[in-house]
Amino acid sequence: MFIQTEPTPNPATLKFLPGEPVMAQGTSNFPDAISASRSPLAERLFEVDGITGVFFGSDFVTVTKGADAEWQLLKPTILGVIMEHYVSGAPLLNDQAEPAAEAEKPEVSEEDTEIVTQIKELLETRVRPAVAQDGGDIIFHGYEDGVVMLEMFGACSGCPSSAVTLKNGIENMLRHYIPEVTEVRAVH
């Protein structure tokens, strides 16, 4: 098994590509070791000293390190953990674990339904693929009075350029296609 690595725009996060599917559908975010109990692989990754976050996408695993940790020391251990997991045949998620692909469905007024549908379609077709390329994901949380609420995960969460991505990229695109959108806000 050959696992490729790619840098992400977030210097604290590295993208690992095992060459086979990771999540069949959705994504899973593990912001701390406690949440990792849902996944044998995430649990093992958090055992590596210096790891502060793990995220699973369709064909990648992103790992976030603490400020004091060095990639050149962490990377070989992380590669070993991921390889051992795939060779063992262990499940990615425990049976009771669900992927975190969508936020709770917010209440939407009848007149906003069409706008929300357009927002979700643009996010799904144009934004999520680009964000996944960088080792992350973006989830729609709601729309109210012209404001779109989005949450970023994986390499995008905590990335120095995520605010620029939201404002200059996503907000401008949504405002271009959907004039009713006036602002995009991050949800944490």
N, C-alpha and C. Protein backbone atom coordinates (compact mmCIF):
# COMPACT_ATOMS: atom_id res chain seq x y z
N MET A 1 0.85 -1.18 0.00
CA MET A 1 0.00 0.00 0.00
C MET A 1 0.89 1.24 0.00
N PHE A 2 0.57 2.18 -0.89
CA PHE A 2 1.32 3.43 -0.96
C PHE A 2 0.38 4.57 -0.59
N ILE A 3 0.74 5.32 0.43
CA ILE A 3 -0.08 6.44 0.89
C ILE A 3 0.61 7.74 0.48
N GLN A 4 -0.09 8.54 -0.30
CA GLN A 4 0.45 9.83 -0.70
C GLN A 4 0.10 10.88 0.34
N THR A 5 0.92 11.91 0.41
CA THR A 5 0.59 13.05 1.27
C THR A 5 0.59 14.31 0.42
N GLU A 6 -0.25 15.24 0.82
CA GLU A 6 -0.33 16.53 0.15
C GLU A 6 -0.41 17.62 1.21
N PRO A 7 0.28 18.72 0.97
CA PRO A 7 0.11 19.85 1.88
C PRO A 7 -1.28 20.46 1.67
N THR A 8 -1.75 21.19 2.65
CA THR A 8 -3.01 21.91 2.54
C THR A 8 -2.71 23.40 2.76
N PRO A 9 -3.65 24.26 2.47
CA PRO A 9 -3.41 25.68 2.75
C PRO A 9 -3.18 25.96 4.24
N ASN A 10 -3.62 25.06 5.07
CA ASN A 10 -3.40 25.19 6.52
C ASN A 10 -2.09 24.50 6.87
N PRO A 11 -1.06 25.24 7.28
CA PRO A 11 0.24 24.60 7.57
C PRO A 11 0.21 23.62 8.73
N ALA A 12 -0.83 23.67 9.55
CA ALA A 12 -0.94 22.74 10.68
C ALA A 12 -1.63 21.44 10.28
N THR A 13 -2.07 21.34 9.03
CA THR A 13 -2.82 20.16 8.59
C THR A 13 -2.20 19.57 7.33
N LEU A 14 -2.10 18.23 7.32
CA LEU A 14 -1.56 17.49 6.18
C LEU A 14 -2.63 16.51 5.70
N LYS A 15 -2.71 16.33 4.39
CA LYS A 15 -3.70 15.45 3.77
C LYS A 15 -3.02 14.14 3.40
N PHE A 16 -3.61 13.02 3.82
CA PHE A 16 -3.10 11.68 3.53
C PHE A 16 -4.08 10.97 2.62
N LEU A 17 -3.58 10.44 1.49
CA LEU A 17 -4.41 9.76 0.49
C LEU A 17 -4.00 8.29 0.44
N PRO A 18 -4.83 7.40 1.03
CA PRO A 18 -4.46 5.98 1.07
C PRO A 18 -4.65 5.24 -0.25
N GLY A 19 -5.20 5.90 -1.28
CA GLY A 19 -5.37 5.24 -2.57
C GLY A 19 -6.60 4.37 -2.64
N GLU A 20 -7.46 4.46 -1.67
CA GLU A 20 -8.74 3.76 -1.68
C GLU A 20 -9.75 4.58 -0.91
N PRO A 21 -11.04 4.27 -1.07
CA PRO A 21 -12.05 5.08 -0.40
C PRO A 21 -11.85 5.11 1.12
N VAL A 22 -12.12 6.27 1.70
CA VAL A 22 -12.08 6.40 3.15
C VAL A 22 -13.52 6.39 3.66
N MET A 23 -14.32 7.38 3.25
CA MET A 23 -15.74 7.44 3.63
C MET A 23 -16.58 7.16 2.39
N ALA A 24 -17.49 6.20 2.48
CA ALA A 24 -18.36 5.90 1.35
C ALA A 24 -19.33 7.05 1.08
N GLN A 25 -19.75 7.70 2.15
CA GLN A 25 -20.61 8.89 2.00
C GLN A 25 -20.39 9.79 3.20
N GLY A 26 -20.55 11.08 2.98
CA GLY A 26 -20.39 12.04 4.06
C GLY A 26 -18.94 12.22 4.48
N THR A 27 -18.77 12.87 5.62
CA THR A 27 -17.46 13.10 6.20
C THR A 27 -17.56 12.87 7.70
N SER A 28 -16.42 12.74 8.36
CA SER A 28 -16.41 12.63 9.82
C SER A 28 -15.29 13.48 10.37
N ASN A 29 -15.63 14.27 11.37
CA ASN A 29 -14.68 15.19 11.99
C ASN A 29 -14.43 14.77 13.44
N PHE A 30 -13.17 14.77 13.83
CA PHE A 30 -12.77 14.43 15.18
C PHE A 30 -11.90 15.55 15.71
N PRO A 31 -12.50 16.54 16.38
CA PRO A 31 -11.74 17.70 16.84
C PRO A 31 -10.90 17.44 18.09
N ASP A 32 -11.10 16.28 18.73
CA ASP A 32 -10.34 15.95 19.93
C ASP A 32 -10.35 14.44 20.15
N ALA A 33 -9.53 13.99 21.09
CA ALA A 33 -9.38 12.55 21.35
C ALA A 33 -10.68 11.93 21.87
N ILE A 34 -11.48 12.67 22.60
CA ILE A 34 -12.74 12.12 23.13
C ILE A 34 -13.68 11.75 21.99
N SER A 35 -13.81 12.62 21.00
CA SER A 35 -14.70 12.33 19.87
C SER A 35 -14.18 11.17 19.02
N ALA A 36 -12.90 10.88 19.12
CA ALA A 36 -12.28 9.81 18.31
C ALA A 36 -12.73 8.42 18.72
N SER A 37 -13.42 8.28 19.83
CA SER A 37 -13.87 6.95 20.25
C SER A 37 -14.84 6.33 19.24
N ARG A 38 -15.36 7.14 18.31
CA ARG A 38 -16.26 6.64 17.26
C ARG A 38 -15.51 5.90 16.15
N SER A 39 -14.16 6.03 16.15
CA SER A 39 -13.39 5.46 15.04
C SER A 39 -12.08 4.84 15.53
N PRO A 40 -11.85 3.57 15.22
CA PRO A 40 -10.57 2.95 15.60
C PRO A 40 -9.36 3.68 15.00
N LEU A 41 -9.47 4.14 13.74
CA LEU A 41 -8.35 4.84 13.12
C LEU A 41 -8.11 6.19 13.79
N ALA A 42 -9.16 6.95 14.03
CA ALA A 42 -9.00 8.25 14.69
C ALA A 42 -8.41 8.08 16.09
N GLU A 43 -8.86 7.06 16.81
CA GLU A 43 -8.31 6.80 18.15
C GLU A 43 -6.80 6.57 18.08
N ARG A 44 -6.38 5.74 17.14
CA ARG A 44 -4.94 5.45 16.99
C ARG A 44 -4.16 6.69 16.61
N LEU A 45 -4.72 7.52 15.74
CA LEU A 45 -4.03 8.75 15.33
C LEU A 45 -3.86 9.71 16.51
N PHE A 46 -4.86 9.79 17.37
CA PHE A 46 -4.76 10.67 18.53
C PHE A 46 -3.75 10.15 19.56
N GLU A 47 -3.37 8.89 19.46
CA GLU A 47 -2.33 8.36 20.35
C GLU A 47 -0.95 8.90 19.98
N VAL A 48 -0.81 9.44 18.77
CA VAL A 48 0.45 10.03 18.32
C VAL A 48 0.58 11.40 19.00
N ASP A 49 1.63 11.58 19.74
CA ASP A 49 1.83 12.82 20.48
C ASP A 49 1.92 14.01 19.52
N GLY A 50 1.10 15.03 19.75
CA GLY A 50 1.13 16.22 18.92
C GLY A 50 -0.06 16.35 17.98
N ILE A 51 -0.89 15.31 17.86
CA ILE A 51 -2.06 15.36 16.97
C ILE A 51 -3.21 16.05 17.70
N THR A 52 -3.83 17.04 17.03
CA THR A 52 -4.92 17.79 17.65
C THR A 52 -6.25 17.66 16.90
N GLY A 53 -6.25 17.04 15.72
CA GLY A 53 -7.49 16.88 14.97
C GLY A 53 -7.35 15.86 13.85
N VAL A 54 -8.45 15.18 13.55
CA VAL A 54 -8.49 14.19 12.47
C VAL A 54 -9.81 14.39 11.73
N PHE A 55 -9.75 14.28 10.40
CA PHE A 55 -10.93 14.45 9.57
C PHE A 55 -10.89 13.42 8.46
N PHE A 56 -12.04 12.77 8.20
CA PHE A 56 -12.14 11.79 7.11
C PHE A 56 -13.01 12.35 6.00
N GLY A 57 -12.50 12.33 4.77
CA GLY A 57 -13.26 12.70 3.58
C GLY A 57 -13.49 11.47 2.74
N SER A 58 -13.94 11.66 1.52
CA SER A 58 -14.26 10.52 0.65
C SER A 58 -13.05 9.64 0.35
N ASP A 59 -11.90 10.26 0.07
CA ASP A 59 -10.72 9.47 -0.27
C ASP A 59 -9.46 9.98 0.44
N PHE A 60 -9.64 10.67 1.54
CA PHE A 60 -8.50 11.24 2.25
C PHE A 60 -8.73 11.30 3.76
N VAL A 61 -7.62 11.40 4.47
CA VAL A 61 -7.61 11.63 5.91
C VAL A 61 -6.76 12.88 6.12
N THR A 62 -7.30 13.88 6.81
CA THR A 62 -6.47 15.02 7.14
C THR A 62 -6.17 14.95 8.63
N VAL A 63 -4.93 15.29 8.94
CA VAL A 63 -4.47 15.25 10.33
C VAL A 63 -3.93 16.63 10.66
N THR A 64 -4.34 17.15 11.81
CA THR A 64 -3.90 18.46 12.27
C THR A 64 -2.99 18.27 13.47
N LYS A 65 -1.90 19.03 13.48
CA LYS A 65 -0.91 18.94 14.55
C LYS A 65 -0.95 20.19 15.41
N GLY A 66 -0.41 20.07 16.61
CA GLY A 66 -0.28 21.22 17.49
C GLY A 66 0.88 22.09 17.04
N ALA A 67 0.94 23.30 17.59
CA ALA A 67 1.96 24.27 17.19
C ALA A 67 3.38 23.80 17.48
N ASP A 68 3.58 23.01 18.51
CA ASP A 68 4.93 22.57 18.89
C ASP A 68 5.40 21.32 18.15
N ALA A 69 4.49 20.65 17.45
CA ALA A 69 4.84 19.40 16.76
C ALA A 69 5.43 19.70 15.38
N GLU A 70 6.30 18.80 14.91
CA GLU A 70 6.96 18.95 13.61
C GLU A 70 6.51 17.84 12.66
N TRP A 71 6.13 18.22 11.44
CA TRP A 71 5.67 17.23 10.46
C TRP A 71 6.74 16.18 10.16
N GLN A 72 7.99 16.57 10.07
CA GLN A 72 9.01 15.58 9.72
C GLN A 72 9.14 14.49 10.77
N LEU A 73 8.74 14.77 12.01
CA LEU A 73 8.75 13.74 13.05
C LEU A 73 7.43 12.97 13.09
N LEU A 74 6.33 13.65 12.83
CA LEU A 74 5.00 13.02 12.92
C LEU A 74 4.65 12.17 11.71
N LYS A 75 5.01 12.63 10.54
CA LYS A 75 4.57 12.02 9.28
C LYS A 75 4.85 10.51 9.19
N PRO A 76 6.06 10.02 9.50
CA PRO A 76 6.28 8.57 9.39
C PRO A 76 5.38 7.76 10.33
N THR A 77 5.14 8.27 11.53
CA THR A 77 4.28 7.57 12.47
C THR A 77 2.84 7.54 11.97
N ILE A 78 2.37 8.67 11.47
CA ILE A 78 1.00 8.76 10.95
C ILE A 78 0.82 7.82 9.76
N LEU A 79 1.78 7.81 8.86
CA LEU A 79 1.72 6.89 7.71
C LEU A 79 1.63 5.44 8.19
N GLY A 80 2.41 5.10 9.20
CA GLY A 80 2.38 3.75 9.76
C GLY A 80 1.03 3.40 10.36
N VAL A 81 0.44 4.32 11.09
CA VAL A 81 -0.87 4.09 11.71
C VAL A 81 -1.93 3.88 10.64
N ILE A 82 -1.94 4.72 9.61
CA ILE A 82 -2.94 4.59 8.54
C ILE A 82 -2.74 3.28 7.80
N MET A 83 -1.51 2.93 7.48
CA MET A 83 -1.24 1.68 6.78
C MET A 83 -1.67 0.47 7.61
N GLU A 84 -1.32 0.46 8.89
CA GLU A 84 -1.72 -0.65 9.77
C GLU A 84 -3.24 -0.78 9.82
N HIS A 85 -3.92 0.34 9.86
CA HIS A 85 -5.38 0.30 9.91
C HIS A 85 -5.95 -0.38 8.67
N TYR A 86 -5.50 0.04 7.49
CA TYR A 86 -6.04 -0.54 6.26
C TYR A 86 -5.65 -2.00 6.08
N VAL A 87 -4.45 -2.35 6.48
CA VAL A 87 -4.01 -3.75 6.37
C VAL A 87 -4.80 -4.64 7.33
N SER A 88 -5.16 -4.11 8.51
CA SER A 88 -5.88 -4.90 9.51
C SER A 88 -7.30 -5.23 9.09
N GLY A 89 -7.88 -4.42 8.21
CA GLY A 89 -9.28 -4.64 7.81
C GLY A 89 -10.28 -4.13 8.84
N ALA A 90 -9.83 -3.41 9.85
CA ALA A 90 -10.72 -2.87 10.88
C ALA A 90 -11.66 -1.85 10.25
N PRO A 91 -12.85 -1.68 10.81
CA PRO A 91 -13.77 -0.68 10.26
C PRO A 91 -13.25 0.74 10.52
N LEU A 92 -13.64 1.65 9.65
CA LEU A 92 -13.26 3.05 9.84
C LEU A 92 -14.02 3.66 11.01
N LEU A 93 -15.33 3.39 11.04
CA LEU A 93 -16.18 3.88 12.12
C LEU A 93 -16.78 2.69 12.86
N ASN A 94 -16.99 2.86 14.15
CA ASN A 94 -17.67 1.82 14.92
C ASN A 94 -19.10 1.71 14.42
N ASP A 95 -19.75 0.58 14.65
CA ASP A 95 -21.09 0.33 14.12
C ASP A 95 -22.08 1.43 14.46
N GLN A 96 -22.02 1.96 15.66
CA GLN A 96 -23.00 2.98 16.07
C GLN A 96 -22.65 4.37 15.56
N ALA A 97 -21.49 4.55 15.00
CA ALA A 97 -21.06 5.89 14.57
C ALA A 97 -21.69 6.26 13.24
N GLU A 98 -22.13 7.49 13.15
CA GLU A 98 -22.73 8.02 11.93
C GLU A 98 -21.80 9.07 11.34
N PRO A 99 -21.71 9.16 10.02
CA PRO A 99 -20.94 10.25 9.42
C PRO A 99 -21.59 11.60 9.73
N ALA A 100 -20.77 12.63 9.81
CA ALA A 100 -21.26 13.98 10.12
C ALA A 100 -21.36 14.80 8.85
N ALA A 101 -22.19 14.36 7.92
CA ALA A 101 -22.23 15.00 6.62
C ALA A 101 -23.13 16.22 6.54
N GLU A 102 -24.10 16.31 7.38
CA GLU A 102 -25.02 17.45 7.32
C GLU A 102 -25.30 17.96 8.72
N ALA A 103 -25.50 19.24 8.81
CA ALA A 103 -25.91 19.85 10.06
C ALA A 103 -27.39 19.59 10.27
N GLU A 104 -27.88 19.90 11.46
CA GLU A 104 -29.31 19.79 11.70
C GLU A 104 -30.04 20.66 10.68
N LYS A 105 -31.20 20.22 10.28
CA LYS A 105 -31.96 20.97 9.30
C LYS A 105 -32.57 22.20 9.98
N PRO A 106 -32.13 23.40 9.59
CA PRO A 106 -32.68 24.60 10.20
C PRO A 106 -34.09 24.87 9.68
N GLU A 107 -34.86 25.63 10.47
CA GLU A 107 -36.19 26.04 10.02
C GLU A 107 -36.02 27.04 8.88
N VAL A 108 -36.76 26.83 7.81
CA VAL A 108 -36.67 27.71 6.64
C VAL A 108 -38.08 28.15 6.28
N SER A 109 -38.25 29.46 6.11
CA SER A 109 -39.57 29.95 5.71
C SER A 109 -39.86 29.48 4.29
N GLU A 110 -41.15 29.43 3.96
CA GLU A 110 -41.54 28.93 2.65
C GLU A 110 -40.94 29.77 1.52
N GLU A 111 -40.87 31.10 1.72
CA GLU A 111 -40.34 31.96 0.66
C GLU A 111 -38.83 31.79 0.49
N ASP A 112 -38.13 31.33 1.53
CA ASP A 112 -36.68 31.11 1.44
C ASP A 112 -36.31 29.73 0.92
N THR A 113 -37.28 28.83 0.78
CA THR A 113 -37.00 27.46 0.37
C THR A 113 -36.25 27.40 -0.95
N GLU A 114 -36.68 28.18 -1.93
CA GLU A 114 -36.01 28.16 -3.24
C GLU A 114 -34.58 28.70 -3.13
N ILE A 115 -34.38 29.73 -2.34
CA ILE A 115 -33.05 30.30 -2.13
C ILE A 115 -32.14 29.27 -1.47
N VAL A 116 -32.64 28.61 -0.44
CA VAL A 116 -31.85 27.59 0.26
C VAL A 116 -31.49 26.45 -0.68
N THR A 117 -32.42 26.05 -1.52
CA THR A 117 -32.14 25.00 -2.50
C THR A 117 -31.02 25.42 -3.43
N GLN A 118 -31.05 26.67 -3.90
CA GLN A 118 -29.99 27.17 -4.77
C GLN A 118 -28.65 27.23 -4.03
N ILE A 119 -28.67 27.69 -2.80
CA ILE A 119 -27.44 27.77 -2.00
C ILE A 119 -26.83 26.38 -1.85
N LYS A 120 -27.65 25.42 -1.45
CA LYS A 120 -27.16 24.05 -1.24
C LYS A 120 -26.61 23.46 -2.54
N GLU A 121 -27.27 23.73 -3.65
CA GLU A 121 -26.81 23.21 -4.94
C GLU A 121 -25.44 23.80 -5.30
N LEU A 122 -25.28 25.11 -5.13
CA LEU A 122 -23.98 25.74 -5.42
C LEU A 122 -22.89 25.22 -4.48
N LEU A 123 -23.22 25.05 -3.22
CA LEU A 123 -22.24 24.52 -2.26
C LEU A 123 -21.82 23.10 -2.67
N GLU A 124 -22.80 22.30 -3.04
CA GLU A 124 -22.53 20.89 -3.38
C GLU A 124 -21.73 20.76 -4.67
N THR A 125 -22.06 21.56 -5.67
CA THR A 125 -21.43 21.38 -6.99
C THR A 125 -20.16 22.19 -7.18
N ARG A 126 -20.05 23.34 -6.53
CA ARG A 126 -18.89 24.20 -6.78
C ARG A 126 -17.95 24.34 -5.58
N VAL A 127 -18.50 24.40 -4.39
CA VAL A 127 -17.67 24.71 -3.22
C VAL A 127 -17.09 23.45 -2.59
N ARG A 128 -17.92 22.47 -2.27
CA ARG A 128 -17.44 21.27 -1.57
C ARG A 128 -16.33 20.55 -2.32
N PRO A 129 -16.41 20.38 -3.65
CA PRO A 129 -15.29 19.73 -4.34
C PRO A 129 -13.98 20.50 -4.19
N ALA A 130 -14.04 21.82 -4.25
CA ALA A 130 -12.82 22.62 -4.11
C ALA A 130 -12.27 22.54 -2.70
N VAL A 131 -13.14 22.58 -1.72
CA VAL A 131 -12.72 22.50 -0.33
C VAL A 131 -12.15 21.11 -0.03
N ALA A 132 -12.73 20.07 -0.62
CA ALA A 132 -12.22 18.70 -0.44
C ALA A 132 -10.81 18.57 -1.01
N GLN A 133 -10.55 19.26 -2.12
CA GLN A 133 -9.19 19.24 -2.70
C GLN A 133 -8.16 19.73 -1.68
N ASP A 134 -8.58 20.64 -0.81
CA ASP A 134 -7.68 21.18 0.21
C ASP A 134 -7.73 20.39 1.52
N GLY A 135 -8.47 19.27 1.53
CA GLY A 135 -8.50 18.40 2.71
C GLY A 135 -9.55 18.76 3.73
N GLY A 136 -10.64 19.38 3.29
CA GLY A 136 -11.67 19.78 4.24
C GLY A 136 -13.07 19.58 3.71
N ASP A 137 -14.01 20.17 4.41
CA ASP A 137 -15.41 20.10 4.01
C ASP A 137 -16.10 21.35 4.53
N ILE A 138 -17.25 21.65 3.97
CA ILE A 138 -18.04 22.80 4.39
C ILE A 138 -19.49 22.35 4.49
N ILE A 139 -20.15 22.75 5.56
CA ILE A 139 -21.51 22.30 5.83
C ILE A 139 -22.42 23.52 5.97
N PHE A 140 -23.56 23.46 5.32
CA PHE A 140 -24.58 24.50 5.39
C PHE A 140 -25.30 24.39 6.74
N HIS A 141 -25.41 25.51 7.45
CA HIS A 141 -26.11 25.52 8.74
C HIS A 141 -27.40 26.32 8.71
N GLY A 142 -27.55 27.22 7.74
CA GLY A 142 -28.80 27.96 7.70
C GLY A 142 -28.73 29.19 6.84
N TYR A 143 -29.90 29.74 6.61
CA TYR A 143 -30.04 30.98 5.84
C TYR A 143 -31.15 31.80 6.49
N GLU A 144 -30.84 33.07 6.79
CA GLU A 144 -31.85 33.94 7.37
C GLU A 144 -31.52 35.39 7.04
N ASP A 145 -32.49 36.10 6.53
CA ASP A 145 -32.36 37.53 6.23
C ASP A 145 -31.11 37.83 5.39
N GLY A 146 -30.86 37.02 4.38
CA GLY A 146 -29.73 37.27 3.48
C GLY A 146 -28.40 36.72 3.94
N VAL A 147 -28.35 36.15 5.15
CA VAL A 147 -27.10 35.66 5.73
C VAL A 147 -27.06 34.13 5.64
N VAL A 148 -25.97 33.62 5.04
CA VAL A 148 -25.75 32.18 4.94
C VAL A 148 -24.76 31.77 6.03
N MET A 149 -25.11 30.74 6.80
CA MET A 149 -24.25 30.24 7.88
C MET A 149 -23.60 28.93 7.43
N LEU A 150 -22.25 28.91 7.46
CA LEU A 150 -21.50 27.74 7.02
C LEU A 150 -20.47 27.37 8.07
N GLU A 151 -20.16 26.08 8.15
CA GLU A 151 -19.12 25.60 9.06
C GLU A 151 -18.08 24.84 8.25
N MET A 152 -16.81 25.12 8.53
CA MET A 152 -15.71 24.48 7.83
C MET A 152 -15.08 23.41 8.72
N PHE A 153 -14.69 22.30 8.10
CA PHE A 153 -14.10 21.17 8.82
C PHE A 153 -12.78 20.77 8.18
N GLY A 154 -12.06 19.89 8.86
CA GLY A 154 -10.82 19.35 8.33
C GLY A 154 -9.75 20.41 8.22
N ALA A 155 -9.01 20.40 7.13
CA ALA A 155 -7.91 21.35 6.94
C ALA A 155 -8.42 22.78 6.92
N CYS A 156 -9.69 22.97 6.59
CA CYS A 156 -10.25 24.32 6.49
C CYS A 156 -10.56 24.93 7.85
N SER A 157 -10.80 24.08 8.83
CA SER A 157 -11.10 24.57 10.17
C SER A 157 -9.81 25.11 10.79
N GLY A 158 -9.82 26.35 11.15
CA GLY A 158 -8.63 26.95 11.76
C GLY A 158 -7.57 27.37 10.76
N CYS A 159 -7.83 27.22 9.48
CA CYS A 159 -6.86 27.61 8.46
C CYS A 159 -6.77 29.13 8.40
N PRO A 160 -5.56 29.66 8.31
CA PRO A 160 -5.42 31.11 8.23
C PRO A 160 -6.18 31.73 7.05
N SER A 161 -6.33 30.99 5.96
CA SER A 161 -7.00 31.57 4.79
C SER A 161 -8.49 31.24 4.72
N SER A 162 -9.06 30.58 5.75
CA SER A 162 -10.48 30.20 5.69
C SER A 162 -11.39 31.42 5.69
N ALA A 163 -11.05 32.49 6.42
CA ALA A 163 -11.88 33.69 6.42
C ALA A 163 -11.89 34.33 5.02
N VAL A 164 -10.74 34.31 4.35
CA VAL A 164 -10.66 34.85 2.99
C VAL A 164 -11.47 33.98 2.04
N THR A 165 -11.38 32.66 2.22
CA THR A 165 -12.15 31.74 1.39
C THR A 165 -13.64 32.01 1.54
N LEU A 166 -14.10 32.18 2.79
CA LEU A 166 -15.52 32.44 3.02
C LEU A 166 -15.95 33.77 2.41
N LYS A 167 -15.21 34.83 2.69
CA LYS A 167 -15.63 36.16 2.26
C LYS A 167 -15.38 36.41 0.77
N ASN A 168 -14.16 36.21 0.32
CA ASN A 168 -13.82 36.54 -1.07
C ASN A 168 -14.24 35.47 -2.05
N GLY A 169 -14.28 34.24 -1.63
CA GLY A 169 -14.62 33.16 -2.55
C GLY A 169 -16.09 32.80 -2.50
N ILE A 170 -16.50 32.21 -1.41
CA ILE A 170 -17.86 31.67 -1.31
C ILE A 170 -18.91 32.78 -1.29
N GLU A 171 -18.68 33.81 -0.47
CA GLU A 171 -19.67 34.90 -0.39
C GLU A 171 -19.85 35.58 -1.75
N ASN A 172 -18.75 35.89 -2.42
CA ASN A 172 -18.86 36.54 -3.72
C ASN A 172 -19.57 35.67 -4.74
N MET A 173 -19.29 34.38 -4.74
CA MET A 173 -19.95 33.48 -5.68
C MET A 173 -21.44 33.41 -5.39
N LEU A 174 -21.81 33.22 -4.12
CA LEU A 174 -23.23 33.12 -3.78
C LEU A 174 -23.96 34.42 -4.10
N ARG A 175 -23.35 35.56 -3.80
CA ARG A 175 -23.98 36.85 -4.10
C ARG A 175 -24.14 37.04 -5.61
N HIS A 176 -23.21 36.53 -6.39
CA HIS A 176 -23.29 36.63 -7.85
C HIS A 176 -24.50 35.86 -8.39
N TYR A 177 -24.65 34.61 -7.93
CA TYR A 177 -25.72 33.75 -8.44
C TYR A 177 -27.06 33.96 -7.75
N ILE A 178 -27.02 34.41 -6.49
CA ILE A 178 -28.25 34.56 -5.70
C ILE A 178 -28.24 35.95 -5.07
N PRO A 179 -28.85 36.93 -5.72
CA PRO A 179 -28.80 38.31 -5.24
C PRO A 179 -29.35 38.50 -3.82
N GLU A 180 -30.21 37.60 -3.37
CA GLU A 180 -30.77 37.71 -2.02
C GLU A 180 -29.72 37.49 -0.93
N VAL A 181 -28.62 36.81 -1.26
CA VAL A 181 -27.55 36.57 -0.29
C VAL A 181 -26.75 37.86 -0.13
N THR A 182 -26.62 38.31 1.12
CA THR A 182 -25.87 39.54 1.40
C THR A 182 -24.58 39.27 2.15
N GLU A 183 -24.51 38.11 2.84
CA GLU A 183 -23.32 37.85 3.66
C GLU A 183 -23.19 36.35 3.92
N VAL A 184 -21.95 35.90 4.14
CA VAL A 184 -21.68 34.53 4.58
C VAL A 184 -20.95 34.63 5.91
N ARG A 185 -21.42 33.87 6.89
CA ARG A 185 -20.80 33.87 8.21
C ARG A 185 -20.36 32.46 8.59
N ALA A 186 -19.24 32.41 9.28
CA ALA A 186 -18.74 31.12 9.76
C ALA A 186 -19.41 30.75 11.07
N VAL A 187 -19.75 29.49 11.20
CA VAL A 187 -20.29 28.93 12.43
C VAL A 187 -19.19 28.06 13.02
N HIS A 188 -18.96 28.17 14.30
CA HIS A 188 -17.91 27.37 14.94
C HIS A 188 -18.47 26.38 15.93
